[in-house]
Protein backbone atom coordinates (compact mmCIF):
# COMPACT_ATOMS: atom_id res chain seq x y z
CA MET A 1 -7.25 59.21 -26.42
CA PRO A 2 -4.41 56.97 -27.70
CA ASP A 3 -2.54 57.95 -30.84
CA LYS A 4 -3.99 55.77 -33.60
CA THR A 5 -0.74 55.81 -35.56
CA MET A 6 0.94 53.83 -32.79
CA ILE A 7 -1.71 51.16 -32.29
CA GLY A 8 -0.20 48.80 -34.85
CA PHE A 9 3.18 48.90 -33.18
CA ARG A 10 1.76 47.97 -29.78
CA LEU A 11 -0.07 45.04 -31.32
CA VAL A 12 3.11 43.51 -32.71
CA SER A 13 5.70 44.52 -30.11
CA GLN A 14 5.72 41.10 -28.47
CA LYS A 15 6.08 39.30 -31.81
CA GLU A 16 8.96 41.58 -32.83
CA SER A 17 10.91 40.84 -29.65
CA ALA A 18 10.25 37.09 -29.99
CA ILE A 19 11.52 37.00 -33.56
CA SER A 20 14.63 39.02 -32.63
CA LEU A 21 15.12 40.61 -36.03
CA ARG A 22 18.43 42.09 -37.08
CA VAL A 23 17.85 45.31 -39.02
CA GLN A 24 19.50 45.19 -42.44
CA ALA A 25 20.92 48.09 -44.44
CA ILE A 26 20.28 47.92 -48.17
CA PHE A 27 22.78 49.82 -50.33
CA ASP A 28 21.33 49.05 -53.74
CA THR A 29 18.14 47.98 -55.44
CA LEU A 30 17.20 44.40 -56.21
CA ALA A 31 17.21 45.33 -59.87
CA ARG A 32 20.92 46.19 -59.86
CA ALA A 33 21.81 43.03 -57.99
CA ARG A 34 19.87 40.91 -60.46
CA ILE A 35 21.58 42.63 -63.39
CA MET A 36 24.93 41.78 -61.84
CA ILE A 37 23.85 38.14 -61.58
CA ALA A 38 22.56 38.04 -65.15
CA GLU A 39 25.93 39.27 -66.36
CA ARG A 40 27.58 36.51 -64.27
CA GLY A 41 28.60 39.18 -61.78
CA PRO A 42 31.68 41.39 -61.65
CA SER A 43 34.75 40.27 -59.80
CA LEU A 44 34.34 40.89 -56.11
CA THR A 45 38.04 41.15 -55.38
CA GLY A 46 38.49 44.81 -56.33
CA THR A 47 37.37 48.03 -54.68
CA ASP A 48 34.23 50.04 -55.27
CA GLU A 49 33.28 53.55 -54.27
CA LYS A 50 29.90 52.50 -52.87
CA PHE A 51 30.22 48.87 -51.85
CA SER A 52 32.65 46.92 -49.78
CA VAL A 53 33.54 43.45 -51.03
CA THR A 54 31.47 41.94 -48.23
CA GLU A 55 28.45 44.13 -48.97
CA ARG A 56 28.53 43.28 -52.66
CA ALA A 57 28.74 39.57 -51.86
CA TYR A 58 25.79 39.97 -49.51
CA GLN A 59 23.69 41.77 -52.12
CA ILE A 60 24.36 39.20 -54.84
CA VAL A 61 23.68 36.14 -52.66
CA ARG A 62 20.51 37.79 -51.30
CA ALA A 63 19.31 38.50 -54.84
CA LYS A 64 20.00 34.90 -55.88
CA ILE A 65 17.93 33.66 -52.94
CA LEU A 66 14.99 35.94 -53.72
CA ALA A 67 15.15 35.12 -57.43
CA GLY A 68 14.92 31.41 -56.68
CA ASP A 69 18.37 30.65 -58.09
CA MET A 70 19.29 28.98 -54.80
CA GLN A 71 16.63 26.40 -53.94
CA PRO A 72 15.48 25.94 -50.32
CA GLY A 73 16.92 22.87 -48.61
CA ARG A 74 19.81 22.38 -51.04
CA PHE A 75 23.13 22.69 -49.21
CA PHE A 76 26.20 24.28 -50.76
CA THR A 77 29.75 24.94 -49.63
CA GLU A 78 31.43 28.30 -49.15
CA ARG A 79 34.24 27.21 -51.49
CA LYS A 80 31.90 26.50 -54.42
CA LEU A 81 29.94 29.71 -53.93
CA ALA A 82 33.14 31.74 -53.63
CA GLU A 83 34.31 30.28 -56.93
CA ASP A 84 30.99 31.11 -58.60
CA LEU A 85 31.15 34.72 -57.37
CA SER A 86 34.90 35.16 -57.97
CA THR A 87 35.51 36.30 -54.42
CA SER A 88 37.54 35.14 -51.44
CA ARG A 89 35.90 33.09 -48.72
CA THR A 90 36.43 35.60 -45.88
CA PRO A 91 34.05 38.34 -47.12
CA LEU A 92 31.65 35.68 -48.38
CA ARG A 93 31.57 34.01 -44.96
CA THR A 94 30.68 37.38 -43.40
CA ALA A 95 27.90 37.87 -45.94
CA LEU A 96 26.52 34.38 -45.30
CA THR A 97 26.60 34.97 -41.55
CA ARG A 98 24.54 38.13 -42.03
CA LEU A 99 22.00 36.31 -44.21
CA THR A 100 21.80 33.54 -41.64
CA SER A 101 21.08 36.04 -38.86
CA GLU A 102 18.32 37.54 -41.02
CA GLY A 103 16.66 34.14 -41.32
CA LEU A 104 17.26 33.59 -45.04
CA LEU A 105 19.93 30.90 -44.64
CA GLU A 106 20.70 28.11 -42.20
CA ARG A 107 24.08 26.54 -41.48
CA ALA A 108 24.57 22.81 -40.90
CA ALA A 109 26.96 21.31 -38.37
CA ASN A 110 29.44 20.46 -41.16
CA GLY A 111 29.64 24.11 -42.20
CA THR A 112 27.53 23.89 -45.35
CA VAL A 113 24.76 26.42 -45.88
CA ALA A 114 21.25 26.18 -47.31
CA VAL A 115 18.34 28.49 -48.01
CA ARG A 116 15.82 28.04 -45.21
CA GLN A 117 12.56 26.22 -45.84
CA LEU A 118 9.87 28.20 -44.06
CA PRO A 119 7.17 26.04 -42.40
CA LEU A 120 3.58 27.17 -42.85
CA GLU A 121 3.28 28.18 -39.18
CA GLU A 122 6.21 30.59 -39.45
CA LEU A 123 4.97 31.98 -42.75
CA LEU A 124 1.55 32.72 -41.24
CA GLN A 125 3.24 34.51 -38.33
CA ILE A 126 5.19 36.60 -40.82
CA MET A 127 1.96 37.53 -42.59
CA VAL A 128 0.40 38.64 -39.28
CA ILE A 129 3.38 40.93 -38.71
CA ARG A 130 3.33 42.20 -42.30
CA ARG A 131 -0.38 42.98 -41.95
CA GLN A 132 0.28 45.17 -38.92
CA LEU A 133 3.47 46.85 -40.12
CA GLU A 134 2.53 47.51 -43.73
CA SER A 135 -0.97 48.77 -42.94
CA GLU A 136 0.55 51.20 -40.43
CA ALA A 137 3.12 52.28 -43.02
CA ALA A 138 0.35 52.93 -45.56
CA ALA A 139 -1.56 55.09 -43.08
CA LEU A 140 1.55 57.06 -42.13
CA THR A 141 2.49 57.57 -45.77
CA ALA A 142 -1.00 58.92 -46.51
CA LEU A 143 -0.46 61.51 -43.79
CA LYS A 144 3.14 62.40 -44.65
CA SER A 145 3.59 62.00 -48.41
CA ALA A 146 4.17 65.01 -50.61
CA THR A 147 1.61 65.97 -53.22
CA GLY A 148 2.14 63.97 -56.39
CA SER A 149 4.54 61.50 -54.79
CA THR A 150 2.46 58.51 -55.91
CA ASP A 151 1.55 59.80 -59.38
CA ALA A 152 4.22 57.83 -61.25
CA LEU A 153 3.35 54.57 -59.48
CA ILE A 154 -0.38 55.13 -60.05
CA ALA A 155 0.30 55.62 -63.76
CA GLU A 156 2.45 52.48 -63.87
CA THR A 157 -0.22 50.53 -62.01
CA ARG A 158 -2.92 51.76 -64.39
CA THR A 159 -0.81 50.52 -67.32
CA LEU A 160 -0.35 47.13 -65.67
CA ILE A 161 -4.09 46.79 -65.04
CA ALA A 162 -4.76 47.49 -68.71
CA ALA A 163 -2.16 44.95 -69.85
CA PRO A 164 -1.40 42.50 -67.00
CA ASP A 165 0.36 39.93 -69.21
CA VAL A 166 3.91 40.77 -68.10
CA ASP A 167 6.82 38.55 -67.15
CA LEU A 168 7.44 37.65 -63.52
CA GLU A 169 10.67 39.62 -63.24
CA SER A 170 9.02 42.84 -64.43
CA PHE A 171 6.14 42.40 -62.04
CA TRP A 172 8.42 41.80 -59.05
CA LEU A 173 10.43 44.92 -59.78
CA TYR A 174 7.16 46.87 -59.94
CA ASP A 175 5.91 45.20 -56.74
CA ASP A 176 9.14 46.12 -54.96
CA LYS A 177 8.73 49.76 -55.98
CA VAL A 178 5.18 49.93 -54.61
CA HIS A 179 5.95 48.38 -51.24
CA GLU A 180 9.29 50.19 -50.87
CA CYS A 181 7.64 53.53 -51.67
CA ILE A 182 5.04 52.96 -48.98
CA ALA A 183 7.55 51.68 -46.41
CA GLN A 184 9.93 54.60 -46.95
CA GLY A 185 7.04 57.07 -47.14
CA SER A 186 6.19 56.29 -43.53
CA GLY A 187 9.22 58.34 -42.51
CA MET A 188 10.29 55.60 -40.08
CA GLN A 189 13.43 53.80 -41.23
CA VAL A 190 13.24 51.04 -38.62
CA LEU A 191 9.70 50.27 -39.76
CA ALA A 192 10.84 50.22 -43.40
CA ASP A 193 13.70 47.84 -42.56
CA LEU A 194 11.40 45.48 -40.65
CA ILE A 195 8.97 45.41 -43.57
CA ARG A 196 11.76 44.65 -46.03
CA ASN A 197 13.03 41.75 -43.93
CA MET A 198 9.55 40.25 -43.58
CA ARG A 199 8.94 40.58 -47.33
CA ASP A 200 12.26 38.89 -48.08
CA LYS A 201 11.30 35.88 -45.98
CA SER A 202 7.82 35.52 -47.40
CA ARG A 203 9.04 35.99 -50.97
CA MET A 204 11.25 32.91 -50.69
CA CYS A 205 8.06 30.86 -50.58
CA HIS A 206 6.11 32.26 -53.48
CA MET A 207 8.76 33.38 -55.97
CA VAL A 208 8.50 30.01 -57.69
CA HIS A 209 5.47 28.20 -56.33
CA LEU A 210 2.50 30.53 -56.53
CA GLU A 211 0.59 31.15 -59.71
CA PRO A 212 0.82 34.71 -61.04
CA ASP A 213 -2.21 36.88 -60.37
CA PHE A 214 -0.87 40.21 -61.54
CA LEU A 215 -4.19 41.87 -62.34
CA ALA A 216 -5.68 41.30 -58.88
CA GLN A 217 -2.51 42.47 -57.14
CA ALA A 218 -2.26 45.57 -59.32
CA GLU A 219 -5.86 46.46 -58.54
CA GLU A 220 -5.14 46.06 -54.84
CA HIS A 221 -2.06 48.31 -55.22
CA MET A 222 -4.19 50.90 -56.99
CA ALA A 223 -6.60 51.06 -54.06
CA ILE A 224 -3.70 51.64 -51.65
CA LEU A 225 -1.96 54.22 -53.82
CA THR A 226 -5.08 56.26 -54.55
CA ALA A 227 -5.93 56.36 -50.84
CA ILE A 228 -2.43 57.65 -50.14
CA ARG A 229 -2.81 60.23 -52.92
CA ASP A 230 -6.09 61.36 -51.38
CA ARG A 231 -4.47 61.53 -47.92
CA ASP A 232 -7.03 59.10 -46.56
CA ALA A 233 -5.08 57.27 -43.87
CA SER A 234 -7.97 55.03 -42.84
CA ALA A 235 -8.66 53.91 -46.42
CA ALA A 236 -4.95 53.34 -47.06
CA ARG A 237 -4.69 51.17 -43.94
CA GLU A 238 -7.76 49.11 -44.84
CA ALA A 239 -6.67 48.67 -48.46
CA MET A 240 -3.27 47.39 -47.34
CA ILE A 241 -4.89 44.99 -44.85
CA LEU A 242 -7.05 43.60 -47.65
CA HIS A 243 -4.01 43.21 -49.91
CA ILE A 244 -1.94 41.39 -47.29
CA ASP A 245 -4.88 39.14 -46.45
CA HIS A 246 -5.15 38.16 -50.12
CA VAL A 247 -1.40 37.43 -50.25
CA ARG A 248 -1.80 35.26 -47.15
CA ASN A 249 -4.70 33.37 -48.74
CA ARG A 250 -2.59 32.61 -51.81
CA PHE A 251 0.12 31.18 -49.55
CA VAL A 252 -2.37 28.96 -47.72
CA LYS A 253 -3.85 27.80 -51.02
CA TRP A 254 -0.43 26.66 -52.25
CA PHE A 255 0.59 25.00 -48.97
CA THR A 256 -2.68 23.11 -48.62
CA GLY A 257 -3.04 22.25 -52.31
CA GLY A 258 -6.36 24.05 -52.46
């Protein structure tokens, strides 16, 4: 009898090879990167114990993309961005090349760079992959997670359900924690990295355009988290599938004007 925990990976293996993803290493949280942006960012010309100049440039530009500070389709030059970030163009160029390889940016023939505009067809493909990967991660986390590992997130989710009128930034930080906890809880770092990359791409579409529906999403998170707490892999998988399907439906609603 085939191992059920590997079924999801077989279903998406062909799509993964077609997309040719480059696994990214994240050295800090989105929250820290956004704080750096809000404070207009530290100079990137010095040294840092944890980050190289290139890595810090990468993290800040990535955060600006995900926060919607850099609009899709609007081209910018390396010189202007280097001035804004107080860094030299060499490490910035390396950071931009990495973001381009990850599918977040595109480079024009004249050397300018823009945030990619994802067509609906590509977005729907991403959601198919997210459905497979994240549901498998939820099931694996239910089997592997330590007792009490989801208690803090369940409490935070319960608070959000009781008072869902929060600002977008707070909700996204919470949403990141939930999905990152589940991805990392799978115990498979490659899987976690693939999930993060797919979420980055899909988030570029709905950070600005989709209406907030925090209560429904929090309730969906609660179903996933409680299934993980109860070590019910099947329920965790199904709850994540339902959640991703609802996210997909919100995307389609915005794209089609429904």
